Structures are given as C-alpha cells and as structure tokens.
PDB file of all heavy atoms in Angstrom:
ATOM      1  N   HIS A   1       0.840  -1.188  -0.008  1.00  0.00           N
ATOM      2  CA  HIS A   1       0.028  -0.007   0.009  1.00  0.00           C
ATOM      3  C   HIS A   1       0.871   1.236   0.037  1.00  0.00           C
ATOM      4  O   HIS A   1       1.609   1.472   0.923  1.00  0.00           O
ATOM      5  CB  HIS A   1      -0.918   0.004   1.243  1.00  0.00           C
ATOM      6  CG  HIS A   1      -2.031  -1.010   1.181  1.00  0.00           C
ATOM      7  ND1 HIS A   1      -3.148  -0.892   1.957  1.00  0.00           N
ATOM      8  CD2 HIS A   1      -2.125  -2.116   0.401  1.00  0.00           C
ATOM      9  CE1 HIS A   1      -3.961  -1.964   1.667  1.00  0.00           C
ATOM     10  NE2 HIS A   1      -3.339  -2.689   0.743  1.00  0.00           N
ATOM     11  N   THR A   2       0.770   2.106  -1.030  1.00  0.00           N
ATOM     12  CA  THR A   2       1.492   3.275  -1.183  1.00  0.00           C
ATOM     13  C   THR A   2       0.671   4.480  -1.070  1.00  0.00           C
ATOM     14  O   THR A   2       1.178   5.658  -1.203  1.00  0.00           O
ATOM     15  CB  THR A   2       2.395   3.288  -2.441  1.00  0.00           C
ATOM     16  OG1 THR A   2       1.603   2.970  -3.610  1.00  0.00           O
ATOM     17  CG2 THR A   2       3.457   2.254  -2.321  1.00  0.00           C
ATOM     18  N   GLU A   3      -0.646   4.365  -1.042  1.00  0.00           N
ATOM     19  CA  GLU A   3      -1.554   5.481  -0.904  1.00  0.00           C
ATOM     20  C   GLU A   3      -1.781   5.796   0.571  1.00  0.00           C
ATOM     21  O   GLU A   3      -1.569   6.968   1.093  1.00  0.00           O
ATOM     22  CB  GLU A   3      -2.848   5.251  -1.600  1.00  0.00           C
ATOM     23  CG  GLU A   3      -3.850   6.384  -1.591  1.00  0.00           C
ATOM     24  CD  GLU A   3      -3.515   7.462  -2.685  1.00  0.00           C
ATOM     25  OE1 GLU A   3      -2.352   7.571  -2.990  1.00  0.00           O
ATOM     26  OE2 GLU A   3      -4.484   8.083  -3.126  1.00  0.00           O
ATOM     27  N   SER A   4      -2.270   4.878   1.352  1.00  0.00           N
ATOM     28  CA  SER A   4      -2.320   5.044   2.857  1.00  0.00           C
ATOM     29  C   SER A   4      -1.109   4.504   3.457  1.00  0.00           C
ATOM     30  O   SER A   4      -0.978   3.356   3.792  1.00  0.00           O
ATOM     31  CB  SER A   4      -3.611   4.312   3.364  1.00  0.00           C
ATOM     32  OG  SER A   4      -3.567   2.935   3.091  1.00  0.00           O
ATOM     33  N   VAL A   5      -0.130   5.401   3.589  1.00  0.00           N
ATOM     34  CA  VAL A   5       1.300   4.962   3.994  1.00  0.00           C
ATOM     35  C   VAL A   5       1.112   4.247   5.380  1.00  0.00           C
ATOM     36  O   VAL A   5       0.395   4.708   6.304  1.00  0.00           O
ATOM     37  CB  VAL A   5       2.144   6.233   4.058  1.00  0.00           C
ATOM     38  CG1 VAL A   5       3.515   5.751   4.498  1.00  0.00           C
ATOM     39  CG2 VAL A   5       2.103   6.895   2.713  1.00  0.00           C
ATOM     40  N   ASN A   6       1.979   3.202   5.469  1.00  0.00           N
ATOM     41  CA  ASN A   6       2.107   2.402   6.719  1.00  0.00           C
ATOM     42  C   ASN A   6       0.845   1.494   6.935  1.00  0.00           C
ATOM     43  O   ASN A   6       0.757   0.943   8.066  1.00  0.00           O
ATOM     44  CB  ASN A   6       2.406   3.219   7.920  1.00  0.00           C
ATOM     45  CG  ASN A   6       3.764   3.934   7.788  1.00  0.00           C
ATOM     46  OD1 ASN A   6       4.605   3.470   7.166  1.00  0.00           O
ATOM     47  ND2 ASN A   6       3.817   5.087   8.452  1.00  0.00           N
ATOM     48  N   SER A   7      -0.032   1.344   5.993  1.00  0.00           N
ATOM     49  CA  SER A   7      -1.191   0.469   6.267  1.00  0.00           C
ATOM     50  C   SER A   7      -0.936  -0.936   5.933  1.00  0.00           C
ATOM     51  O   SER A   7      -0.185  -1.305   4.958  1.00  0.00           O
ATOM     52  CB  SER A   7      -2.400   1.014   5.523  1.00  0.00           C
ATOM     53  OG  SER A   7      -2.191   0.799   4.095  1.00  0.00           O
ATOM     54  N   ASN A   8      -1.511  -1.864   6.767  1.00  0.00           N
ATOM     55  CA  ASN A   8      -1.437  -3.240   6.409  1.00  0.00           C
ATOM     56  C   ASN A   8      -2.564  -3.610   5.499  1.00  0.00           C
ATOM     57  O   ASN A   8      -3.658  -3.048   5.596  1.00  0.00           O
ATOM     58  CB  ASN A   8      -1.588  -4.120   7.728  1.00  0.00           C
ATOM     59  CG  ASN A   8      -0.416  -3.812   8.670  1.00  0.00           C
ATOM     60  OD1 ASN A   8       0.762  -3.831   8.174  1.00  0.00           O
ATOM     61  ND2 ASN A   8      -0.686  -3.597   9.913  1.00  0.00           N
ATOM     62  N   PRO A   9      -2.394  -4.619   4.647  1.00  0.00           N
ATOM     63  CA  PRO A   9      -3.554  -5.030   3.742  1.00  0.00           C
ATOM     64  C   PRO A   9      -4.603  -5.686   4.534  1.00  0.00           C
ATOM     65  O   PRO A   9      -4.419  -6.467   5.505  1.00  0.00           O
ATOM     66  CB  PRO A   9      -2.847  -5.993   2.826  1.00  0.00           C
ATOM     67  CG  PRO A   9      -1.658  -6.553   3.555  1.00  0.00           C
ATOM     68  CD  PRO A   9      -1.207  -5.410   4.426  1.00  0.00           C
ATOM     69  N   ILE A  10      -5.858  -5.415   4.061  1.00  0.00           N
ATOM     70  CA  ILE A  10      -6.982  -6.082   4.642  1.00  0.00           C
ATOM     71  C   ILE A  10      -7.173  -7.444   4.104  1.00  0.00           C
ATOM     72  O   ILE A  10      -7.752  -8.357   4.697  1.00  0.00           O
ATOM     73  CB  ILE A  10      -8.256  -5.218   4.477  1.00  0.00           C
ATOM     74  CG1 ILE A  10      -8.022  -3.782   5.022  1.00  0.00           C
ATOM     75  CG2 ILE A  10      -9.541  -5.872   5.130  1.00  0.00           C
ATOM     76  CD1 ILE A  10      -9.134  -2.859   4.741  1.00  0.00           C
ATOM     77  N   GLN A  11      -6.742  -7.655   2.871  1.00  0.00           N
ATOM     78  CA  GLN A  11      -7.119  -8.885   2.029  1.00  0.00           C
ATOM     79  C   GLN A  11      -8.652  -8.701   1.690  1.00  0.00           C
ATOM     80  O   GLN A  11      -9.404  -9.756   1.832  1.00  0.00           O
ATOM     81  CB  GLN A  11      -6.735 -10.148   2.720  1.00  0.00           C
ATOM     82  CG  GLN A  11      -5.299 -10.317   2.885  1.00  0.00           C
ATOM     83  CD  GLN A  11      -4.885 -11.530   3.668  1.00  0.00           C
ATOM     84  OE1 GLN A  11      -4.763 -11.402   4.898  1.00  0.00           O
ATOM     85  NE2 GLN A  11      -4.818 -12.644   3.059  1.00  0.00           N
ATOM     86  N   MET A  12      -8.996  -7.624   1.173  1.00  0.00           N
ATOM     87  CA  MET A  12     -10.425  -7.342   0.790  1.00  0.00           C
ATOM     88  C   MET A  12     -10.567  -7.444  -0.695  1.00  0.00           C
ATOM     89  O   MET A  12      -9.817  -6.906  -1.444  1.00  0.00           O
ATOM     90  CB  MET A  12     -10.789  -5.953   1.255  1.00  0.00           C
ATOM     91  CG  MET A  12     -12.261  -5.623   1.094  1.00  0.00           C
ATOM     92  SD  MET A  12     -13.242  -6.475   2.322  1.00  0.00           S
ATOM     93  CE  MET A  12     -12.825  -5.640   3.860  1.00  0.00           C
ATOM     94  N   GLU A  13     -11.597  -8.193  -1.113  1.00  0.00           N
ATOM     95  CA  GLU A  13     -12.008  -8.275  -2.494  1.00  0.00           C
ATOM     96  C   GLU A  13     -13.229  -7.433  -2.713  1.00  0.00           C
ATOM     97  O   GLU A  13     -14.218  -7.491  -1.856  1.00  0.00           O
ATOM     98  CB  GLU A  13     -12.264  -9.694  -2.878  1.00  0.00           C
ATOM     99  CG  GLU A  13     -12.747  -9.843  -4.348  1.00  0.00           C
ATOM    100  CD  GLU A  13     -13.088 -11.258  -4.671  1.00  0.00           C
ATOM    101  OE1 GLU A  13     -12.230 -12.203  -4.328  1.00  0.00           O
ATOM    102  OE2 GLU A  13     -14.163 -11.583  -5.258  1.00  0.00           O
ATOM    103  N   ILE A  14     -13.234  -6.610  -3.639  1.00  0.00           N
ATOM    104  CA  ILE A  14     -14.411  -5.739  -3.892  1.00  0.00           C
ATOM    105  C   ILE A  14     -14.961  -5.899  -5.304  1.00  0.00           C
ATOM    106  O   ILE A  14     -14.173  -5.813  -6.332  1.00  0.00           O
ATOM    107  CB  ILE A  14     -13.914  -4.205  -3.738  1.00  0.00           C
ATOM    108  CG1 ILE A  14     -13.334  -4.053  -2.374  1.00  0.00           C
ATOM    109  CG2 ILE A  14     -15.132  -3.306  -3.944  1.00  0.00           C
ATOM    110  CD1 ILE A  14     -12.692  -2.718  -2.160  1.00  0.00           C
ATOM    111  N   GLN A  15     -16.226  -6.336  -5.359  1.00  0.00           N
ATOM    112  CA  GLN A  15     -16.903  -6.575  -6.592  1.00  0.00           C
ATOM    113  C   GLN A  15     -17.857  -5.410  -6.872  1.00  0.00           C
ATOM    114  O   GLN A  15     -18.693  -5.118  -5.944  1.00  0.00           O
ATOM    115  CB  GLN A  15     -17.619  -7.872  -6.591  1.00  0.00           C
ATOM    116  CG  GLN A  15     -16.751  -9.017  -6.273  1.00  0.00           C
ATOM    117  CD  GLN A  15     -17.550 -10.374  -6.242  1.00  0.00           C
ATOM    118  OE1 GLN A  15     -18.768 -10.480  -6.590  1.00  0.00           O
ATOM    119  NE2 GLN A  15     -16.876 -11.466  -5.888  1.00  0.00           N
ATOM    120  N   VAL A  16     -17.897  -4.818  -8.025  1.00  0.00           N
ATOM    121  CA  VAL A  16     -18.689  -3.608  -8.326  1.00  0.00           C
ATOM    122  C   VAL A  16     -19.516  -3.866  -9.484  1.00  0.00           C
ATOM    123  O   VAL A  16     -19.115  -4.305 -10.591  1.00  0.00           O
ATOM    124  CB  VAL A  16     -17.765  -2.406  -8.538  1.00  0.00           C
ATOM    125  CG1 VAL A  16     -18.654  -1.154  -8.497  1.00  0.00           C
ATOM    126  CG2 VAL A  16     -16.692  -2.336  -7.452  1.00  0.00           C
ATOM    127  N   GLN A  17     -20.832  -3.492  -9.336  1.00  0.00           N
ATOM    128  CA  GLN A  17     -21.717  -3.321 -10.473  1.00  0.00           C
ATOM    129  C   GLN A  17     -22.033  -1.777 -10.554  1.00  0.00           C
ATOM    130  O   GLN A  17     -22.598  -1.216  -9.621  1.00  0.00           O
ATOM    131  CB  GLN A  17     -22.992  -4.010 -10.215  1.00  0.00           C
ATOM    132  CG  GLN A  17     -22.985  -5.567 -10.432  1.00  0.00           C
ATOM    133  CD  GLN A  17     -24.365  -6.171 -10.096  1.00  0.00           C
ATOM    134  OE1 GLN A  17     -24.935  -5.937  -9.064  1.00  0.00           O
ATOM    135  NE2 GLN A  17     -24.889  -6.880 -11.024  1.00  0.00           N
ATOM    136  N   ALA A  18     -21.690  -1.106 -11.638  1.00  0.00           N
ATOM    137  CA  ALA A  18     -22.110   0.183 -11.931  1.00  0.00           C
ATOM    138  C   ALA A  18     -23.158   0.163 -13.023  1.00  0.00           C
ATOM    139  O   ALA A  18     -22.926  -0.552 -14.068  1.00  0.00           O
ATOM    140  CB  ALA A  18     -20.963   1.052 -12.331  1.00  0.00           C
ATOM    141  N   PHE A  19     -24.220   0.866 -12.813  1.00  0.00           N
ATOM    142  CA  PHE A  19     -25.349   0.689 -13.879  1.00  0.00           C
ATOM    143  C   PHE A  19     -26.072   2.021 -13.945  1.00  0.00           C
ATOM    144  O   PHE A  19     -26.109   2.881 -13.061  1.00  0.00           O
ATOM    145  CB  PHE A  19     -26.263  -0.483 -13.624  1.00  0.00           C
ATOM    146  CG  PHE A  19     -26.926  -0.525 -12.262  1.00  0.00           C
ATOM    147  CD1 PHE A  19     -28.183  -0.021 -12.113  1.00  0.00           C
ATOM    148  CD2 PHE A  19     -26.319  -1.042 -11.204  1.00  0.00           C
ATOM    149  CE1 PHE A  19     -28.832  -0.046 -10.840  1.00  0.00           C
ATOM    150  CE2 PHE A  19     -26.886  -1.048  -9.958  1.00  0.00           C
ATOM    151  CZ  PHE A  19     -28.133  -0.609  -9.791  1.00  0.00           C
ATOM    152  N   ALA A  20     -26.791   2.170 -15.101  1.00  0.00           N
ATOM    153  CA  ALA A  20     -27.589   3.379 -15.306  1.00  0.00           C
ATOM    154  C   ALA A  20     -28.781   3.015 -16.162  1.00  0.00           C
ATOM    155  O   ALA A  20     -28.790   1.917 -16.864  1.00  0.00           O
ATOM    156  CB  ALA A  20     -26.779   4.448 -16.029  1.00  0.00           C
ATOM    157  N   ILE A  21     -29.803   3.779 -16.048  1.00  0.00           N
ATOM    158  CA  ILE A  21     -31.110   3.556 -16.751  1.00  0.00           C
ATOM    159  C   ILE A  21     -31.414   4.786 -17.547  1.00  0.00           C
ATOM    160  O   ILE A  21     -31.342   5.950 -17.085  1.00  0.00           O
ATOM    161  CB  ILE A  21     -32.245   3.261 -15.760  1.00  0.00           C
ATOM    162  CG1 ILE A  21     -31.857   1.980 -14.966  1.00  0.00           C
ATOM    163  CG2 ILE A  21     -33.599   3.182 -16.403  1.00  0.00           C
ATOM    164  CD1 ILE A  21     -32.785   1.754 -13.747  1.00  0.00           C
ATOM    165  N   SER A  22     -31.814   4.591 -18.859  1.00  0.00           N
ATOM    166  CA  SER A  22     -32.215   5.705 -19.688  1.00  0.00           C
ATOM    167  C   SER A  22     -33.802   5.830 -19.516  1.00  0.00           C
ATOM    168  O   SER A  22     -34.524   4.858 -19.731  1.00  0.00           O
ATOM    169  CB  SER A  22     -31.864   5.386 -21.174  1.00  0.00           C
ATOM    170  OG  SER A  22     -32.366   6.433 -21.971  1.00  0.00           O
ATOM    171  N   SER A  23     -34.221   7.013 -19.136  1.00  0.00           N
ATOM    172  CA  SER A  23     -35.638   7.253 -18.837  1.00  0.00           C
ATOM    173  C   SER A  23     -36.070   8.671 -19.115  1.00  0.00           C
ATOM    174  O   SER A  23     -35.264   9.506 -19.497  1.00  0.00           O
ATOM    175  CB  SER A  23     -35.928   6.868 -17.350  1.00  0.00           C
ATOM    176  OG  SER A  23     -35.311   7.829 -16.489  1.00  0.00           O
ATOM    177  N   ASN A  24     -37.300   8.934 -18.867  1.00  0.00           N
ATOM    178  CA  ASN A  24     -37.879  10.251 -19.082  1.00  0.00           C
ATOM    179  C   ASN A  24     -38.125  11.046 -17.729  1.00  0.00           C
ATOM    180  O   ASN A  24     -38.820  12.061 -17.751  1.00  0.00           O
ATOM    181  CB  ASN A  24     -39.168  10.167 -19.840  1.00  0.00           C
ATOM    182  CG  ASN A  24     -38.967   9.693 -21.315  1.00  0.00           C
ATOM    183  OD1 ASN A  24     -37.964  10.078 -21.948  1.00  0.00           O
ATOM    184  ND2 ASN A  24     -39.889   8.803 -21.710  1.00  0.00           N
ATOM    185  N   ASP A  25     -37.556  10.487 -16.635  1.00  0.00           N
ATOM    186  CA  ASP A  25     -37.739  11.134 -15.409  1.00  0.00           C
ATOM    187  C   ASP A  25     -36.380  11.405 -14.717  1.00  0.00           C
ATOM    188  O   ASP A  25     -35.403  11.287 -15.401  1.00  0.00           O
ATOM    189  CB  ASP A  25     -38.681  10.268 -14.460  1.00  0.00           C
ATOM    190  CG  ASP A  25     -38.022   8.835 -14.256  1.00  0.00           C
ATOM    191  OD1 ASP A  25     -36.943   8.576 -14.598  1.00  0.00           O
ATOM    192  OD2 ASP A  25     -38.913   7.952 -13.806  1.00  0.00           O
ATOM    193  N   GLU A  26     -36.351  11.582 -13.414  1.00  0.00           N
ATOM    194  CA  GLU A  26     -35.088  12.006 -12.731  1.00  0.00           C
ATOM    195  C   GLU A  26     -34.101  10.934 -12.716  1.00  0.00           C
ATOM    196  O   GLU A  26     -32.900  11.111 -12.526  1.00  0.00           O
ATOM    197  CB  GLU A  26     -35.378  12.451 -11.295  1.00  0.00           C
ATOM    198  CG  GLU A  26     -36.031  11.419 -10.423  1.00  0.00           C
ATOM    199  CD  GLU A  26     -37.543  11.423 -10.466  1.00  0.00           C
ATOM    200  OE1 GLU A  26     -38.072  12.056 -11.407  1.00  0.00           O
ATOM    201  OE2 GLU A  26     -38.252  10.845  -9.615  1.00  0.00           O
ATOM    202  N   VAL A  27     -34.469   9.656 -12.896  1.00  0.00           N
ATOM    203  CA  VAL A  27     -33.583   8.596 -12.943  1.00  0.00           C
ATOM    204  C   VAL A  27     -32.604   8.693 -14.111  1.00  0.00           C
ATOM    205  O   VAL A  27     -31.491   8.219 -14.079  1.00  0.00           O
ATOM    206  CB  VAL A  27     -34.317   7.226 -13.011  1.00  0.00           C
ATOM    207  CG1 VAL A  27     -33.387   6.006 -13.115  1.00  0.00           C
ATOM    208  CG2 VAL A  27     -35.200   7.023 -11.760  1.00  0.00           C
ATOM    209  N   ASN A  28     -32.976   9.445 -15.143  1.00  0.00           N
ATOM    210  CA  ASN A  28     -32.097   9.710 -16.218  1.00  0.00           C
ATOM    211  C   ASN A  28     -30.807  10.574 -15.912  1.00  0.00           C
ATOM    212  O   ASN A  28     -29.891  10.524 -16.674  1.00  0.00           O
ATOM    213  CB  ASN A  28     -32.882  10.454 -17.341  1.00  0.00           C
ATOM    214  CG  ASN A  28     -32.219  10.289 -18.767  1.00  0.00           C
ATOM    215  OD1 ASN A  28     -31.962   9.167 -19.173  1.00  0.00           O
ATOM    216  ND2 ASN A  28     -32.000  11.373 -19.441  1.00  0.00           N
ATOM    217  N   ASN A  29     -30.888  11.171 -14.732  1.00  0.00           N
ATOM    218  CA  ASN A  29     -29.784  11.922 -14.280  1.00  0.00           C
ATOM    219  C   ASN A  29     -28.988  11.197 -13.168  1.00  0.00           C
ATOM    220  O   ASN A  29     -28.208  11.851 -12.452  1.00  0.00           O
ATOM    221  CB  ASN A  29     -30.237  13.291 -13.709  1.00  0.00           C
ATOM    222  CG  ASN A  29     -30.750  14.179 -14.800  1.00  0.00           C
ATOM    223  OD1 ASN A  29     -30.237  14.223 -15.899  1.00  0.00           O
ATOM    224  ND2 ASN A  29     -31.882  14.877 -14.511  1.00  0.00           N
ATOM    225  N   MET A  30     -29.232   9.935 -12.945  1.00  0.00           N
ATOM    226  CA  MET A  30     -28.598   9.140 -11.834  1.00  0.00           C
ATOM    227  C   MET A  30     -27.696   8.041 -12.410  1.00  0.00           C
ATOM    228  O   MET A  30     -27.922   7.565 -13.483  1.00  0.00           O
ATOM    229  CB  MET A  30     -29.724   8.458 -11.014  1.00  0.00           C
ATOM    230  CG  MET A  30     -30.636   9.399 -10.323  1.00  0.00           C
ATOM    231  SD  MET A  30     -31.779   8.456  -9.336  1.00  0.00           S
ATOM    232  CE  MET A  30     -32.997   9.720  -8.824  1.00  0.00           C
ATOM    233  N   THR A  31     -26.704   7.761 -11.621  1.00  0.00           N
ATOM    234  CA  THR A  31     -25.922   6.493 -11.816  1.00  0.00           C
ATOM    235  C   THR A  31     -25.901   5.698 -10.488  1.00  0.00           C
ATOM    236  O   THR A  31     -26.046   6.369  -9.463  1.00  0.00           O
ATOM    237  CB  THR A  31     -24.473   6.773 -12.284  1.00  0.00           C
ATOM    238  OG1 THR A  31     -23.833   7.671 -11.277  1.00  0.00           O
ATOM    239  CG2 THR A  31     -24.491   7.495 -13.642  1.00  0.00           C
ATOM    240  N   PHE A  32     -25.793   4.387 -10.647  1.00  0.00           N
ATOM    241  CA  PHE A  32     -25.908   3.539  -9.480  1.00  0.00           C
ATOM    242  C   PHE A  32     -24.689   2.655  -9.360  1.00  0.00           C
ATOM    243  O   PHE A  32     -24.134   2.214 -10.383  1.00  0.00           O
ATOM    244  CB  PHE A  32     -27.168   2.610  -9.629  1.00  0.00           C
ATOM    245  CG  PHE A  32     -28.449   3.307  -9.706  1.00  0.00           C
ATOM    246  CD1 PHE A  32     -28.899   3.977 -10.851  1.00  0.00           C
ATOM    247  CD2 PHE A  32     -29.288   3.318  -8.650  1.00  0.00           C
ATOM    248  CE1 PHE A  32     -30.076   4.560 -10.944  1.00  0.00           C
ATOM    249  CE2 PHE A  32     -30.520   3.999  -8.703  1.00  0.00           C
ATOM    250  CZ  PHE A  32     -30.867   4.607  -9.872  1.00  0.00           C
ATOM    251  N   TYR A  33     -24.289   2.445  -8.087  1.00  0.00           N
ATOM    252  CA  TYR A  33     -23.076   1.571  -7.791  1.00  0.00           C
ATOM    253  C   TYR A  33     -23.404   0.665  -6.724  1.00  0.00           C
ATOM    254  O   TYR A  33     -23.758   0.979  -5.612  1.00  0.00           O
ATOM    255  CB  TYR A  33     -21.861   2.476  -7.459  1.00  0.00           C
ATOM    256  CG  TYR A  33     -21.645   3.582  -8.417  1.00  0.00           C
ATOM    257  CD1 TYR A  33     -22.434   4.731  -8.481  1.00  0.00           C
ATOM    258  CD2 TYR A  33     -20.710   3.400  -9.497  1.00  0.00           C
ATOM    259  CE1 TYR A  33     -22.253   5.762  -9.435  1.00  0.00           C
ATOM    260  CE2 TYR A  33     -20.464   4.334 -10.473  1.00  0.00           C
ATOM    261  CZ  TYR A  33     -21.271   5.551 -10.367  1.00  0.00           C
ATOM    262  OH  TYR A  33     -21.079   6.523 -11.387  1.00  0.00           O
ATOM    263  N   ARG A  34     -23.144  -0.626  -7.030  1.00  0.00           N
ATOM    264  CA  ARG A  34     -23.435  -1.673  -6.021  1.00  0.00           C
ATOM    265  C   ARG A  34     -22.097  -2.431  -5.637  1.00  0.00           C
ATOM    266  O   ARG A  34     -21.475  -3.045  -6.554  1.00  0.00           O
ATOM    267  CB  ARG A  34     -24.372  -2.752  -6.702  1.00  0.00           C
ATOM    268  CG  ARG A  34     -25.178  -3.618  -5.609  1.00  0.00           C
ATOM    269  CD  ARG A  34     -24.429  -4.805  -5.178  1.00  0.00           C
ATOM    270  NE  ARG A  34     -25.182  -5.620  -4.321  1.00  0.00           N
ATOM    271  CZ  ARG A  34     -24.798  -6.715  -3.719  1.00  0.00           C
ATOM    272  NH1 ARG A  34     -23.540  -7.107  -3.908  1.00  0.00           N
ATOM    273  NH2 ARG A  34     -25.582  -7.395  -2.962  1.00  0.00           N
ATOM    274  N   TYR A  35     -21.673  -2.211  -4.466  1.00  0.00           N
ATOM    275  CA  TYR A  35     -20.349  -2.803  -3.960  1.00  0.00           C
ATOM    276  C   TYR A  35     -20.612  -3.991  -3.081  1.00  0.00           C
ATOM    277  O   TYR A  35     -21.408  -3.909  -2.135  1.00  0.00           O
ATOM    278  CB  TYR A  35     -19.660  -1.670  -3.124  1.00  0.00           C
ATOM    279  CG  TYR A  35     -18.990  -0.602  -3.932  1.00  0.00           C
ATOM    280  CD1 TYR A  35     -19.847   0.474  -4.383  1.00  0.00           C
ATOM    281  CD2 TYR A  35     -17.648  -0.611  -4.277  1.00  0.00           C
ATOM    282  CE1 TYR A  35     -19.164   1.546  -5.100  1.00  0.00           C
ATOM    283  CE2 TYR A  35     -17.106   0.433  -4.959  1.00  0.00           C
ATOM    284  CZ  TYR A  35     -17.885   1.560  -5.404  1.00  0.00           C
ATOM    285  OH  TYR A  35     -17.351   2.499  -6.134  1.00  0.00           O
ATOM    286  N   LYS A  36     -19.876  -5.024  -3.427  1.00  0.00           N
ATOM    287  CA  LYS A  36     -19.815  -6.198  -2.511  1.00  0.00           C
ATOM    288  C   LYS A  36     -18.408  -6.307  -1.970  1.00  0.00           C
ATOM    289  O   LYS A  36     -17.455  -6.501  -2.731  1.00  0.00           O
ATOM    290  CB  LYS A  36     -20.207  -7.473  -3.271  1.00  0.00           C
ATOM    291  CG  LYS A  36     -20.143  -8.749  -2.363  1.00  0.00           C
ATOM    292  CD  LYS A  36     -20.304 -10.047  -3.160  1.00  0.00           C
ATOM    293  CE  LYS A  36     -21.649 -10.221  -3.725  1.00  0.00           C
ATOM    294  NZ  LYS A  36     -21.725 -11.568  -4.385  1.00  0.00           N
ATOM    295  N   LEU A  37     -18.257  -6.134  -0.610  1.00  0.00           N
ATOM    296  CA  LEU A  37     -16.908  -6.187   0.050  1.00  0.00           C
ATOM    297  C   LEU A  37     -16.754  -7.494   0.682  1.00  0.00           C
ATOM    298  O   LEU A  37     -17.599  -7.784   1.545  1.00  0.00           O
ATOM    299  CB  LEU A  37     -16.805  -5.011   1.006  1.00  0.00           C
ATOM    300  CG  LEU A  37     -16.567  -3.554   0.520  1.00  0.00           C
ATOM    301  CD1 LEU A  37     -17.631  -3.105  -0.341  1.00  0.00           C
ATOM    302  CD2 LEU A  37     -16.290  -2.623   1.654  1.00  0.00           C
ATOM    303  N   ILE A  38     -15.708  -8.204   0.290  1.00  0.00           N
ATOM    304  CA  ILE A  38     -15.516  -9.541   0.830  1.00  0.00           C
ATOM    305  C   ILE A  38     -14.190  -9.666   1.618  1.00  0.00           C
ATOM    306  O   ILE A  38     -13.123  -9.453   1.016  1.00  0.00           O
ATOM    307  CB  ILE A  38     -15.535 -10.596  -0.319  1.00  0.00           C
ATOM    308  CG1 ILE A  38     -16.806 -10.514  -1.129  1.00  0.00           C
ATOM    309  CG2 ILE A  38     -15.380 -12.062   0.313  1.00  0.00           C
ATOM    310  CD1 ILE A  38     -16.821 -11.397  -2.348  1.00  0.00           C
ATOM    311  N   ASN A  39     -14.236  -9.920   2.896  1.00  0.00           N
ATOM    312  CA  ASN A  39     -13.021 -10.076   3.639  1.00  0.00           C
ATOM    313  C   ASN A  39     -12.508 -11.433   3.446  1.00  0.00           C
ATOM    314  O   ASN A  39     -13.039 -12.436   3.973  1.00  0.00           O
ATOM    315  CB  ASN A  39     -13.279  -9.805   5.154  1.00  0.00           C
ATOM    316  CG  ASN A  39     -12.097  -9.923   6.031  1.00  0.00           C
ATOM    317  OD1 ASN A  39     -10.952 -10.041   5.488  1.00  0.00           O
ATOM    318  ND2 ASN A  39     -12.277 -10.060   7.317  1.00  0.00           N
ATOM    319  N   ARG A  40     -11.379 -11.678   2.741  1.00  0.00           N
ATOM    320  CA  ARG A  40     -10.818 -12.973   2.455  1.00  0.00           C
ATOM    321  C   ARG A  40      -9.592 -13.263   3.374  1.00  0.00           C
ATOM    322  O   ARG A  40      -8.880 -14.233   3.132  1.00  0.00           O
ATOM    323  CB  ARG A  40     -10.479 -13.038   1.030  1.00  0.00           C
ATOM    324  CG  ARG A  40     -11.712 -13.078   0.146  1.00  0.00           C
ATOM    325  CD  ARG A  40     -11.452 -13.691  -1.268  1.00  0.00           C
ATOM    326  NE  ARG A  40     -12.591 -13.635  -2.133  1.00  0.00           N
ATOM    327  CZ  ARG A  40     -13.633 -14.481  -2.137  1.00  0.00           C
ATOM    328  NH1 ARG A  40     -13.606 -15.496  -1.302  1.00  0.00           N
ATOM    329  NH2 ARG A  40     -14.590 -14.366  -2.976  1.00  0.00           N
ATOM    330  N   ALA A  41      -9.412 -12.517   4.390  1.00  0.00           N
ATOM    331  CA  ALA A  41      -8.384 -12.757   5.343  1.00  0.00           C
ATOM    332  C   ALA A  41      -8.791 -13.980   6.178  1.00  0.00           C
ATOM    333  O   ALA A  41     -10.036 -14.293   6.338  1.00  0.00           O
ATOM    334  CB  ALA A  41      -8.074 -11.578   6.262  1.00  0.00           C
ATOM    335  N   ILE A  42      -7.819 -14.632   6.840  1.00  0.00           N
ATOM    336  CA  ILE A  42      -8.099 -15.746   7.678  1.00  0.00           C
ATOM    337  C   ILE A  42      -8.661 -15.284   9.090  1.00  0.00           C
ATOM    338  O   ILE A  42      -9.055 -16.130   9.893  1.00  0.00           O
ATOM    339  CB  ILE A  42      -6.836 -16.627   7.948  1.00  0.00           C
ATOM    340  CG1 ILE A  42      -5.759 -15.816   8.638  1.00  0.00           C
ATOM    341  CG2 ILE A  42      -6.339 -17.194   6.630  1.00  0.00           C
ATOM    342  CD1 ILE A  42      -4.543 -16.637   9.105  1.00  0.00           C
ATOM    343  N   GLU A  43      -8.628 -13.998   9.282  1.00  0.00           N
ATOM    344  CA  GLU A  43      -9.094 -13.414  10.514  1.00  0.00           C
ATOM    345  C   GLU A  43     -10.218 -12.382  10.355  1.00  0.00           C
ATOM    346  O   GLU A  43     -10.318 -11.861   9.256  1.00  0.00           O
ATOM    347  CB  GLU A  43      -7.924 -12.729  11.295  1.00  0.00           C
ATOM    348  CG  GLU A  43      -7.245 -11.698  10.419  1.00  0.00           C
ATOM    349  CD  GLU A  43      -5.823 -11.510  10.809  1.00  0.00           C
ATOM    350  OE1 GLU A  43      -5.204 -12.304  11.620  1.00  0.00           O
ATOM    351  OE2 GLU A  43      -5.199 -10.549  10.232  1.00  0.00           O
TER     352      GLU A  43
END
C-alpha cells in the first residue's frame, strides 16, 4: 500500500456493479453503484 502509508492489507476483495437507466424522469440523471466487500483474510 503506497496511498495510505504504513497501512497493512485487509485482504479485501471488492466486486462492483455500476449501472444506469435511460428514462424520461429524474432517474435519467442518476448513476448507481453496487459494492460487494468480501473479507478474504483468515481473521
């Protein structure tokens, strides 16, 4: 890790779905992000 200096790795896997819908209402101005965070460490 060279962004958060001196940090130990979590062993985290992150799965992302980013999606959008074309519509005639306010949803047309939105984007959506679905994060699944999986701790794959032994602890």
